[in-house]
C-alpha atoms as a PDB file:
ATOM      1  CA  MET A   1       0.018  15.085  34.925  1.00  0.00           C
ATOM      2  CA  LYS A   2       1.068  16.452  31.631  1.00  0.00           C
ATOM      3  CA  ARG A   3      -1.068  19.213  29.606  1.00  0.00           C
ATOM      4  CA  LYS A   4      -2.844  16.797  27.521  1.00  0.00           C
ATOM      5  CA  GLU A   5      -3.936  14.835  30.590  1.00  0.00           C
ATOM      6  CA  VAL A   6      -4.573  17.823  32.527  1.00  0.00           C
ATOM      7  CA  SER A   7      -6.962  19.056  29.315  1.00  0.00           C
ATOM      8  CA  GLN A   8      -8.746  15.596  29.064  1.00  0.00           C
ATOM      9  CA  TYR A   9      -9.319  15.775  33.003  1.00  0.00           C
ATOM     10  CA  LEU A  10     -10.431  19.374  33.446  1.00  0.00           C
ATOM     11  CA  GLN A  11     -12.430  19.135  29.752  1.00  0.00           C
ATOM     12  CA  LEU A  12     -10.155  22.419  28.736  1.00  0.00           C
ATOM     13  CA  THR A  13      -8.631  22.500  25.284  1.00  0.00           C
ATOM     14  CA  MET A  14      -4.545  22.660  25.452  1.00  0.00           C
ATOM     15  CA  ASP A  15      -4.962  26.083  23.725  1.00  0.00           C
ATOM     16  CA  THR A  16      -6.871  27.276  26.768  1.00  0.00           C
ATOM     17  CA  LEU A  17      -4.472  26.132  29.002  1.00  0.00           C
ATOM     18  CA  ARG A  18      -1.515  27.850  27.231  1.00  0.00           C
ATOM     19  CA  ASN A  19      -3.529  30.761  27.159  1.00  0.00           C
ATOM     20  CA  TRP A  20      -3.815  30.921  31.087  1.00  0.00           C
ATOM     21  CA  GLU A  21      -0.636  30.191  31.511  1.00  0.00           C
ATOM     22  CA  ILE A  22       0.358  33.104  29.018  1.00  0.00           C
ATOM     23  CA  ASN A  23      -1.767  35.299  30.785  1.00  0.00           C
ATOM     24  CA  GLY A  24      -0.322  34.858  34.242  1.00  0.00           C
ATOM     25  CA  LEU A  25      -2.934  32.804  36.006  1.00  0.00           C
ATOM     26  CA  LEU A  26      -0.518  30.093  36.950  1.00  0.00           C
ATOM     27  CA  THR A  27       3.125  29.140  36.430  1.00  0.00           C
ATOM     28  CA  VAL A  28       3.592  25.229  35.740  1.00  0.00           C
ATOM     29  CA  LYS A  29       7.043  23.394  36.586  1.00  0.00           C
ATOM     30  CA  ARG A  30       8.693  21.756  33.922  1.00  0.00           C
ATOM     31  CA  LYS A  31      10.748  18.574  33.849  1.00  0.00           C
ATOM     32  CA  GLU A  32      14.464  18.642  32.545  1.00  0.00           C
ATOM     33  CA  ASN A  33      12.897  17.546  29.211  1.00  0.00           C
ATOM     34  CA  GLY A  34      10.858  20.953  28.961  1.00  0.00           C
ATOM     35  CA  TYR A  35       7.396  18.934  29.546  1.00  0.00           C
ATOM     36  CA  ARG A  36       4.919  20.743  31.888  1.00  0.00           C
ATOM     37  CA  ILE A  37       4.046  18.542  35.142  1.00  0.00           C
ATOM     38  CA  TYR A  38       1.004  20.119  36.803  1.00  0.00           C
ATOM     39  CA  THR A  39       0.532  19.511  40.551  1.00  0.00           C
ATOM     40  CA  GLN A  40      -2.744  18.651  42.658  1.00  0.00           C
ATOM     41  CA  GLU A  41      -2.176  22.297  43.201  1.00  0.00           C
ATOM     42  CA  ASP A  42      -2.018  23.815  39.656  1.00  0.00           C
ATOM     43  CA  ILE A  43      -5.387  21.522  39.048  1.00  0.00           C
ATOM     44  CA  ASN A  44      -7.137  22.979  42.129  1.00  0.00           C
ATOM     45  CA  ARG A  45      -6.178  26.578  40.767  1.00  0.00           C
ATOM     46  CA  LEU A  46      -7.075  25.588  37.021  1.00  0.00           C
ATOM     47  CA  LYS A  47     -10.533  24.389  38.552  1.00  0.00           C
ATOM     48  CA  ILE A  48     -10.917  27.750  39.929  1.00  0.00           C
ATOM     49  CA  ILE A  49     -10.446  29.769  37.062  1.00  0.00           C
ATOM     50  CA  ARG A  50     -12.600  27.403  35.155  1.00  0.00           C
ATOM     51  CA  SER A  51     -15.692  28.177  37.253  1.00  0.00           C
ATOM     52  CA  LEU A  52     -14.665  31.946  37.122  1.00  0.00           C
ATOM     53  CA  ARG A  53     -14.414  31.952  33.259  1.00  0.00           C
ATOM     54  CA  CYS A  54     -17.560  30.042  33.265  1.00  0.00           C
ATOM     55  CA  THR A  55     -19.567  33.042  35.478  1.00  0.00           C
ATOM     56  CA  ASN A  56     -18.140  35.505  32.628  1.00  0.00           C
ATOM     57  CA  TYR A  57     -15.090  37.121  34.606  1.00  0.00           C
ATOM     58  CA  SER A  58     -12.393  38.379  32.573  1.00  0.00           C
ATOM     59  CA  LEU A  59      -8.884  36.928  33.090  1.00  0.00           C
ATOM     60  CA  GLU A  60      -7.547  40.524  34.221  1.00  0.00           C
ATOM     61  CA  SER A  61     -10.154  40.315  37.019  1.00  0.00           C
ATOM     62  CA  ILE A  62      -9.415  36.451  37.987  1.00  0.00           C
ATOM     63  CA  LEU A  63      -5.577  37.334  37.610  1.00  0.00           C
ATOM     64  CA  ARG A  64      -6.308  40.685  40.027  1.00  0.00           C
ATOM     65  CA  MET A  65      -8.131  38.046  42.405  1.00  0.00           C
ATOM     66  CA  LEU A  66      -5.317  35.704  42.437  1.00  0.00           C
ATOM     67  CA  ASN A  67      -2.750  38.080  43.391  1.00  0.00           C
ATOM     68  CA  ALA A  68      -4.862  39.735  45.633  1.00  0.00           C
ATOM     69  CA  LEU A  69      -5.339  36.188  47.602  1.00  0.00           C
ATOM     70  CA  SER A  70      -1.689  35.321  47.275  1.00  0.00           C
ATOM     71  CA  LYS A  71      -0.989  38.628  49.511  1.00  0.00           C
ATOM     72  CA  ASN A  72      -3.655  38.159  51.693  1.00  0.00           C
ATOM     73  CA  PRO A  73      -5.769  35.189  52.064  1.00  0.00           C
ATOM     74  CA  ALA A  74      -8.770  37.294  53.782  1.00  0.00           C
ATOM     75  CA  THR A  75      -9.128  39.327  50.959  1.00  0.00           C
ATOM     76  CA  ASN A  76     -12.791  40.107  49.835  1.00  0.00           C
ATOM     77  CA  ILE A  77     -12.958  37.789  46.525  1.00  0.00           C
ATOM     78  CA  ARG A  78     -16.262  39.402  45.200  1.00  0.00           C
ATOM     79  CA  GLU A  79     -14.894  43.077  45.999  1.00  0.00           C
ATOM     80  CA  VAL A  80     -11.761  42.125  44.106  1.00  0.00           C
ATOM     81  CA  LEU A  81     -13.289  40.778  41.393  1.00  0.00           C
ATOM     82  CA  ASP A  82     -15.941  43.261  40.601  1.00  0.00           C
ATOM     83  CA  THR A  83     -13.538  46.382  41.391  1.00  0.00           C
ATOM     84  CA  PRO A  84     -11.500  46.625  37.878  1.00  0.00           C
ATOM     85  CA  SER A  85      -8.514  49.274  38.454  1.00  0.00           C
ATOM     86  CA  LEU A  86      -8.896  52.560  35.950  1.00  0.00           C
ATOM     87  CA  GLU A  87      -6.390  50.796  33.394  1.00  0.00           C
ATOM     88  CA  GLU A  88      -8.382  47.267  32.824  1.00  0.00           C
ATOM     89  CA  ASP A  89     -12.465  48.795  33.657  1.00  0.00           C
ATOM     90  CA  ILE A  90     -13.074  48.796  29.947  1.00  0.00           C
ATOM     91  CA  VAL A  91     -11.435  45.685  28.905  1.00  0.00           C
ATOM     92  CA  SER A  92     -13.468  43.896  31.545  1.00  0.00           C
ATOM     93  CA  VAL A  93     -16.579  45.460  30.885  1.00  0.00           C
ATOM     94  CA  CYS A  94     -16.472  44.413  27.174  1.00  0.00           C
ATOM     95  CA  ASP A  95     -15.466  40.828  28.207  1.00  0.00           C
ATOM     96  CA  LYS A  96     -18.395  40.494  29.928  1.00  0.00           C
ATOM     97  CA  LEU A  97     -20.233  42.101  27.450  1.00  0.00           C
ATOM     98  CA  ILE A  98     -19.274  39.996  24.747  1.00  0.00           C
ATOM     99  CA  THR A  99     -19.658  36.984  26.503  1.00  0.00           C
ATOM    100  CA  SER A 100     -23.114  37.893  27.361  1.00  0.00           C
ATOM    101  CA  LEU A 101     -24.079  38.725  24.116  1.00  0.00           C
ATOM    102  CA  LYS A 102     -23.105  35.251  22.743  1.00  0.00           C
ATOM    103  CA  SER A 103     -25.382  33.600  25.679  1.00  0.00           C
ATOM    104  CA  ALA A 104     -28.057  35.652  24.709  1.00  0.00           C
ATOM    105  CA  GLU A 105     -27.827  34.714  21.326  1.00  0.00           C
ATOM    106  CA  SER A 106     -27.690  31.091  21.845  1.00  0.00           C
ATOM    107  CA  ASN A 107     -30.436  31.266  24.188  1.00  0.00           C
ATOM    108  CA  ALA A 108     -32.507  33.075  21.425  1.00  0.00           C
ATOM    109  CA  LYS A 109     -31.614  30.473  19.138  1.00  0.00           C
ATOM    110  CA  GLN A 110     -32.637  27.719  21.472  1.00  0.00           C
ATOM    111  CA  MET A 111     -36.143  29.383  21.948  1.00  0.00           C
ATOM    112  CA  LYS A 112     -36.853  29.790  18.567  1.00  0.00           C
ATOM    113  CA  ARG A 113     -35.960  25.896  18.014  1.00  0.00           C
ATOM    114  CA  GLN A 114     -38.579  25.590  20.566  1.00  0.00           C
ATOM    115  CA  ILE A 115     -41.358  27.700  19.156  1.00  0.00           C
ATOM    116  CA  GLU A 116     -40.851  25.976  15.920  1.00  0.00           C
ATOM    117  CA  SER A 117     -41.029  22.675  17.351  1.00  0.00           C
ATOM    118  CA  MET A 118     -44.396  23.871  19.325  1.00  0.00           C
ATOM    119  CA  LYS A 119     -45.881  25.427  16.201  1.00  0.00           C
ATOM    120  CA  TYR A 120     -45.135  21.907  14.078  1.00  0.00           C
ATOM    121  CA  LYS A 121     -46.603  19.941  17.013  1.00  0.00           C
ATOM    122  CA  PHE A 122     -49.879  22.052  17.448  1.00  0.00           C
ATOM    123  CA  SER A 123     -50.396  22.837  14.015  1.00  0.00           C
END
């Protein structure tokens, strides 16, 4: 599949796919004309990355996990994901904090709308 097809299939933006490739989360083979061709293995890897991003893991944590698994398939995934190196500790913590704050803000706005709706309904 080409990048646009994969983007639509996985419901990811093409920028997200580019970003993940730039950050080393996957390497996509190219045809002679330079077009990227995603294999089923690439798509499976992207599904894993997407799932981990949805659970607020940083790109560094995901890359650390993927590298560890490529060296040893019996690696304890949770331990690798949750144990940043000294150099990346602050990055991973901030990444999760920013994502958590965005989620909390969204939840607060939704609650406000529900309360206003209930207030109007029961007034």
